[in-house]
Amino acid sequence: MEVIFEVRDAEEGGFYARALGYAIFTQAETWEELRANVREATALHFDDGEERPLLIQLHYVRDELIPVEAA
């Protein structure tokens, strides 16, 4: 079993991560802190006896707007 997190840049700096299909959300200032927070949040979510995931995937999404001049 695998849990996939969508990771985005936070407007105030750092990152936020939201699990797809699960009510798991966390944030952090650095990538390493985010990795630790995602592990902790996932462990807490699956603590009630539900089968824990074997893998956590962080899918980093970065939005960029590129202005195009009118022809």
C-alpha atoms as a PDB file:
ATOM      1  CA  MET A   1       0.000   0.000   0.000  1.00  0.00           C
ATOM      2  CA  GLU A   2       1.197   3.499  -0.857  1.00  0.00           C
ATOM      3  CA  VAL A   3       0.038   6.965   0.231  1.00  0.00           C
ATOM      4  CA  ILE A   4       0.622   9.811  -2.216  1.00  0.00           C
ATOM      5  CA  PHE A   5       1.004  13.367  -0.945  1.00  0.00           C
ATOM      6  CA  GLU A   6       0.592  16.381  -3.181  1.00  0.00           C
ATOM      7  CA  VAL A   7       3.236  18.896  -2.084  1.00  0.00           C
ATOM      8  CA  ARG A   8       3.025  22.586  -2.936  1.00  0.00           C
ATOM      9  CA  ASP A   9       4.890  25.732  -1.991  1.00  0.00           C
ATOM     10  CA  ALA A  10       3.218  27.601   0.865  1.00  0.00           C
ATOM     11  CA  GLU A  11       2.569  31.281   0.173  1.00  0.00           C
ATOM     12  CA  GLU A  12       4.255  32.280   3.439  1.00  0.00           C
ATOM     13  CA  GLY A  13       7.282  30.074   2.688  1.00  0.00           C
ATOM     14  CA  GLY A  14       7.990  26.408   3.150  1.00  0.00           C
ATOM     15  CA  PHE A  15       5.742  23.610   1.932  1.00  0.00           C
ATOM     16  CA  TYR A  16       2.392  22.011   2.613  1.00  0.00           C
ATOM     17  CA  ALA A  17       1.408  18.431   1.844  1.00  0.00           C
ATOM     18  CA  ARG A  18      -2.027  16.848   1.438  1.00  0.00           C
ATOM     19  CA  ALA A  19      -2.591  13.101   1.108  1.00  0.00           C
ATOM     20  CA  LEU A  20      -4.704  12.026  -1.846  1.00  0.00           C
ATOM     21  CA  GLY A  21      -7.663   9.974  -0.639  1.00  0.00           C
ATOM     22  CA  TYR A  22      -6.952  10.408   3.069  1.00  0.00           C
ATOM     23  CA  ALA A  23      -7.560  13.177   5.586  1.00  0.00           C
ATOM     24  CA  ILE A  24      -3.861  13.797   6.218  1.00  0.00           C
ATOM     25  CA  PHE A  25      -2.352  17.278   5.991  1.00  0.00           C
ATOM     26  CA  THR A  26       0.919  18.751   7.222  1.00  0.00           C
ATOM     27  CA  GLN A  27       3.321  21.576   6.529  1.00  0.00           C
ATOM     28  CA  ALA A  28       6.966  22.483   7.140  1.00  0.00           C
ATOM     29  CA  GLU A  29       9.606  25.118   6.520  1.00  0.00           C
ATOM     30  CA  THR A  30      12.150  22.775   4.876  1.00  0.00           C
ATOM     31  CA  TRP A  31      11.984  19.669   2.691  1.00  0.00           C
ATOM     32  CA  GLU A  32      13.655  17.515   5.364  1.00  0.00           C
ATOM     33  CA  GLU A  33      11.205  18.750   8.002  1.00  0.00           C
ATOM     34  CA  LEU A  34       8.332  18.018   5.612  1.00  0.00           C
ATOM     35  CA  ARG A  35       9.542  14.439   5.134  1.00  0.00           C
ATOM     36  CA  ALA A  36       9.582  13.916   8.903  1.00  0.00           C
ATOM     37  CA  ASN A  37       6.161  15.559   9.348  1.00  0.00           C
ATOM     38  CA  VAL A  38       4.617  13.440   6.575  1.00  0.00           C
ATOM     39  CA  ARG A  39       5.913  10.256   8.215  1.00  0.00           C
ATOM     40  CA  GLU A  40       4.578  11.320  11.619  1.00  0.00           C
ATOM     41  CA  ALA A  41       1.175  12.416  10.270  1.00  0.00           C
ATOM     42  CA  THR A  42       0.801   9.159   8.322  1.00  0.00           C
ATOM     43  CA  ALA A  43       1.714   7.056  11.360  1.00  0.00           C
ATOM     44  CA  LEU A  44      -0.830   8.916  13.483  1.00  0.00           C
ATOM     45  CA  HIS A  45      -3.554   8.535  10.850  1.00  0.00           C
ATOM     46  CA  PHE A  46      -3.087   4.765  10.544  1.00  0.00           C
ATOM     47  CA  ASP A  47      -2.598   4.211  14.291  1.00  0.00           C
ATOM     48  CA  ASP A  48      -6.128   2.806  14.758  1.00  0.00           C
ATOM     49  CA  GLY A  49      -5.200  -0.658  13.445  1.00  0.00           C
ATOM     50  CA  GLU A  50      -5.799   0.073   9.766  1.00  0.00           C
ATOM     51  CA  GLU A  51      -3.119  -1.364   7.490  1.00  0.00           C
ATOM     52  CA  ARG A  52      -0.203   1.063   7.346  1.00  0.00           C
ATOM     53  CA  PRO A  53       1.300   2.004   3.998  1.00  0.00           C
ATOM     54  CA  LEU A  54       4.653   0.559   2.997  1.00  0.00           C
ATOM     55  CA  LEU A  55       5.553   3.616   0.917  1.00  0.00           C
ATOM     56  CA  ILE A  56       4.904   7.348   1.019  1.00  0.00           C
ATOM     57  CA  GLN A  57       5.237   9.245  -2.237  1.00  0.00           C
ATOM     58  CA  LEU A  58       5.762  13.010  -2.266  1.00  0.00           C
ATOM     59  CA  HIS A  59       4.509  14.508  -5.524  1.00  0.00           C
ATOM     60  CA  TYR A  60       5.836  18.079  -5.719  1.00  0.00           C
ATOM     61  CA  VAL A  61       3.614  20.380  -7.778  1.00  0.00           C
ATOM     62  CA  ARG A  62       4.891  23.791  -8.746  1.00  0.00           C
ATOM     63  CA  ASP A  63       2.632  26.265 -10.507  1.00  0.00           C
ATOM     64  CA  GLU A  64       4.251  28.838 -12.743  1.00  0.00           C
ATOM     65  CA  LEU A  65       2.485  31.488 -14.767  1.00  0.00           C
ATOM     66  CA  ILE A  66       4.243  32.698 -17.905  1.00  0.00           C
ATOM     67  CA  PRO A  67       2.849  35.862 -19.490  1.00  0.00           C
ATOM     68  CA  VAL A  68       2.463  35.734 -23.235  1.00  0.00           C
ATOM     69  CA  GLU A  69       2.566  38.988 -25.162  1.00  0.00           C
ATOM     70  CA  ALA A  70      -0.431  39.689 -27.363  1.00  0.00           C
ATOM     71  CA  ALA A  71       0.452  39.385 -31.046  1.00  0.00           C
END
